[in-house]
C-alpha atoms as a PDB file:
ATOM      1  CA  MET A   1    -149.043 -18.204  14.222  1.00  0.00           C
ATOM      2  CA  CYS A   2    -146.014 -18.628  16.536  1.00  0.00           C
ATOM      3  CA  SER A   3    -145.067 -14.984  16.231  1.00  0.00           C
ATOM      4  CA  ASP A   4    -148.624 -13.942  17.227  1.00  0.00           C
ATOM      5  CA  HIS A   5    -148.434 -15.987  20.429  1.00  0.00           C
ATOM      6  CA  ALA A   6    -144.903 -14.762  21.090  1.00  0.00           C
ATOM      7  CA  ASP A   7    -146.064 -11.150  20.798  1.00  0.00           C
ATOM      8  CA  GLN A   8    -148.835 -11.814  23.325  1.00  0.00           C
ATOM      9  CA  LEU A   9    -146.306 -13.363  25.745  1.00  0.00           C
ATOM     10  CA  ASP A  10    -143.702 -10.656  25.053  1.00  0.00           C
ATOM     11  CA  ILE A  11    -141.199 -13.213  23.693  1.00  0.00           C
ATOM     12  CA  GLN A  12    -138.837 -12.545  20.792  1.00  0.00           C
ATOM     13  CA  PHE A  13    -137.442 -15.349  18.632  1.00  0.00           C
ATOM     14  CA  ASN A  14    -133.924 -15.055  17.233  1.00  0.00           C
ATOM     15  CA  THR A  15    -134.089 -16.556  13.749  1.00  0.00           C
ATOM     16  CA  LYS A  16    -130.283 -16.353  13.385  1.00  0.00           C
ATOM     17  CA  LYS A  17    -129.905 -18.841  16.238  1.00  0.00           C
ATOM     18  CA  SER A  18    -132.820 -21.050  15.177  1.00  0.00           C
ATOM     19  CA  CYS A  19    -132.511 -24.040  12.852  1.00  0.00           C
ATOM     20  CA  LEU A  20    -134.496 -27.016  11.612  1.00  0.00           C
ATOM     21  CA  LEU A  21    -133.507 -30.687  11.751  1.00  0.00           C
ATOM     22  CA  HIS A  22    -135.461 -33.514  10.131  1.00  0.00           C
ATOM     23  CA  ILE A  23    -135.582 -36.875  11.915  1.00  0.00           C
ATOM     24  CA  GLY A  24    -137.774 -39.707  10.642  1.00  0.00           C
ATOM     25  CA  ASN A  25    -138.402 -42.011   7.698  1.00  0.00           C
ATOM     26  CA  SER A  26    -138.584 -39.189   5.158  1.00  0.00           C
ATOM     27  CA  PHE A  27    -135.557 -37.275   6.471  1.00  0.00           C
ATOM     28  CA  ASN A  28    -133.976 -36.951   3.013  1.00  0.00           C
ATOM     29  CA  LYS A  29    -136.997 -35.319   1.332  1.00  0.00           C
ATOM     30  CA  LYS A  30    -136.619 -31.682   0.380  1.00  0.00           C
ATOM     31  CA  ILE A  31    -138.753 -29.430   2.576  1.00  0.00           C
ATOM     32  CA  GLU A  32    -139.071 -25.690   2.200  1.00  0.00           C
ATOM     33  CA  ASN A  33    -137.597 -23.394   4.829  1.00  0.00           C
ATOM     34  CA  LEU A  34    -139.975 -22.103   7.467  1.00  0.00           C
ATOM     35  CA  GLN A  35    -140.426 -18.418   8.156  1.00  0.00           C
ATOM     36  CA  LEU A  36    -140.711 -16.659  11.474  1.00  0.00           C
ATOM     37  CA  ASN A  37    -141.395 -12.926  11.530  1.00  0.00           C
ATOM     38  CA  GLY A  38    -140.575 -12.790   7.819  1.00  0.00           C
ATOM     39  CA  HIS A  39    -137.126 -14.392   8.234  1.00  0.00           C
ATOM     40  CA  ASP A  40    -136.209 -17.853   6.964  1.00  0.00           C
ATOM     41  CA  ILE A  41    -135.233 -20.658   9.326  1.00  0.00           C
ATOM     42  CA  TYR A  42    -132.964 -23.094   7.471  1.00  0.00           C
ATOM     43  CA  TRP A  43    -132.646 -26.894   7.496  1.00  0.00           C
ATOM     44  CA  PHE A  44    -129.378 -28.488   8.632  1.00  0.00           C
ATOM     45  CA  GLU A  45    -128.002 -32.033   8.537  1.00  0.00           C
ATOM     46  CA  LYS A  46    -126.207 -31.632  11.858  1.00  0.00           C
ATOM     47  CA  ILE A  47    -126.797 -29.226  14.731  1.00  0.00           C
ATOM     48  CA  LYS A  48    -125.029 -28.583  18.000  1.00  0.00           C
ATOM     49  CA  TYR A  49    -127.303 -28.467  21.046  1.00  0.00           C
ATOM     50  CA  LEU A  50    -125.842 -28.119  24.537  1.00  0.00           C
ATOM     51  CA  GLY A  51    -122.452 -29.272  23.246  1.00  0.00           C
ATOM     52  CA  VAL A  52    -123.822 -32.419  21.584  1.00  0.00           C
ATOM     53  CA  HIS A  53    -124.003 -32.857  17.810  1.00  0.00           C
ATOM     54  CA  ILE A  54    -127.393 -34.214  16.695  1.00  0.00           C
ATOM     55  CA  VAL A  55    -127.495 -35.693  13.189  1.00  0.00           C
ATOM     56  CA  SER A  56    -130.438 -35.734  10.789  1.00  0.00           C
ATOM     57  CA  GLY A  57    -131.458 -39.269   9.865  1.00  0.00           C
ATOM     58  CA  LYS A  58    -134.000 -42.044  10.042  1.00  0.00           C
ATOM     59  CA  SER A  59    -133.679 -42.186  13.830  1.00  0.00           C
ATOM     60  CA  PHE A  60    -132.334 -39.919  16.562  1.00  0.00           C
ATOM     61  CA  THR A  61    -128.530 -40.045  16.286  1.00  0.00           C
ATOM     62  CA  VAL A  62    -125.829 -38.261  18.240  1.00  0.00           C
ATOM     63  CA  ASP A  63    -122.334 -37.768  16.804  1.00  0.00           C
ATOM     64  CA  VAL A  64    -119.771 -38.186  19.599  1.00  0.00           C
ATOM     65  CA  SER A  65    -116.650 -38.365  17.414  1.00  0.00           C
ATOM     66  CA  THR A  66    -115.775 -34.723  18.093  1.00  0.00           C
ATOM     67  CA  ARG A  67    -116.055 -35.226  21.866  1.00  0.00           C
ATOM     68  CA  ILE A  68    -113.906 -38.367  21.749  1.00  0.00           C
ATOM     69  CA  ARG A  69    -111.269 -36.641  19.632  1.00  0.00           C
ATOM     70  CA  LYS A  70    -111.130 -33.708  22.073  1.00  0.00           C
ATOM     71  CA  PHE A  71    -110.851 -36.110  25.031  1.00  0.00           C
ATOM     72  CA  TYR A  72    -107.913 -37.976  23.487  1.00  0.00           C
ATOM     73  CA  ALA A  73    -106.205 -34.709  22.546  1.00  0.00           C
ATOM     74  CA  SER A  74    -106.563 -33.405  26.112  1.00  0.00           C
ATOM     75  CA  ALA A  75    -105.413 -36.676  27.670  1.00  0.00           C
ATOM     76  CA  ASN A  76    -102.441 -36.822  25.317  1.00  0.00           C
ATOM     77  CA  ALA A  77    -101.443 -33.233  26.127  1.00  0.00           C
ATOM     78  CA  ILE A  78    -101.569 -33.918  29.871  1.00  0.00           C
ATOM     79  CA  LEU A  79     -99.902 -37.322  29.845  1.00  0.00           C
ATOM     80  CA  HIS A  80     -97.238 -36.374  27.319  1.00  0.00           C
ATOM     81  CA  ASN A  81     -95.460 -34.162  29.837  1.00  0.00           C
ATOM     82  CA  THR A  82     -96.090 -36.158  33.023  1.00  0.00           C
ATOM     83  CA  VAL A  83     -95.664 -39.932  32.582  1.00  0.00           C
ATOM     84  CA  PRO A  84     -93.310 -41.992  30.377  1.00  0.00           C
ATOM     85  CA  VAL A  85     -95.117 -43.446  27.361  1.00  0.00           C
ATOM     86  CA  TYR A  86     -94.295 -47.103  28.097  1.00  0.00           C
ATOM     87  CA  ILE A  87     -96.059 -46.870  31.485  1.00  0.00           C
ATOM     88  CA  ILE A  88     -99.196 -45.429  29.847  1.00  0.00           C
ATOM     89  CA  ALA A  89     -99.190 -48.130  27.152  1.00  0.00           C
ATOM     90  CA  ALA A  90     -98.802 -50.891  29.747  1.00  0.00           C
ATOM     91  CA  GLY A  91    -101.594 -49.384  31.838  1.00  0.00           C
ATOM     92  CA  LEU A  92    -103.941 -49.153  28.873  1.00  0.00           C
ATOM     93  CA  ASN A  93    -103.243 -52.750  27.876  1.00  0.00           C
ATOM     94  CA  CYS A  94    -104.054 -53.958  31.410  1.00  0.00           C
ATOM     95  CA  PHE A  95    -107.173 -51.776  31.436  1.00  0.00           C
ATOM     96  CA  LYS A  96    -108.392 -53.349  28.198  1.00  0.00           C
ATOM     97  CA  CYS A  97    -107.786 -56.834  29.569  1.00  0.00           C
ATOM     98  CA  THR A  98    -109.791 -56.219  32.737  1.00  0.00           C
ATOM     99  CA  LEU A  99    -112.738 -54.741  30.842  1.00  0.00           C
ATOM    100  CA  ILE A 100    -113.313 -57.888  28.790  1.00  0.00           C
END
């Protein structure tokens, strides 16, 4: 059905870049793969969309742990060569105090 409409609109789907993600109460039930133009589209538990990891589950969930880890790695690489560590630690402690 989708491929018929796509042919009419002169659109081509890339099944290698397409994936399925199940979100809802029955997210853990086994569902067969869908087919588009005779090629399977597979189910995944986590997908990356526009740099954000979306996780399959009961509700819409975004996994930000990778982004946080990359931020800390970048900040550590920059600050390691520029500022003494004791100044950074003191600054972070003051920052935490003012946030509360």
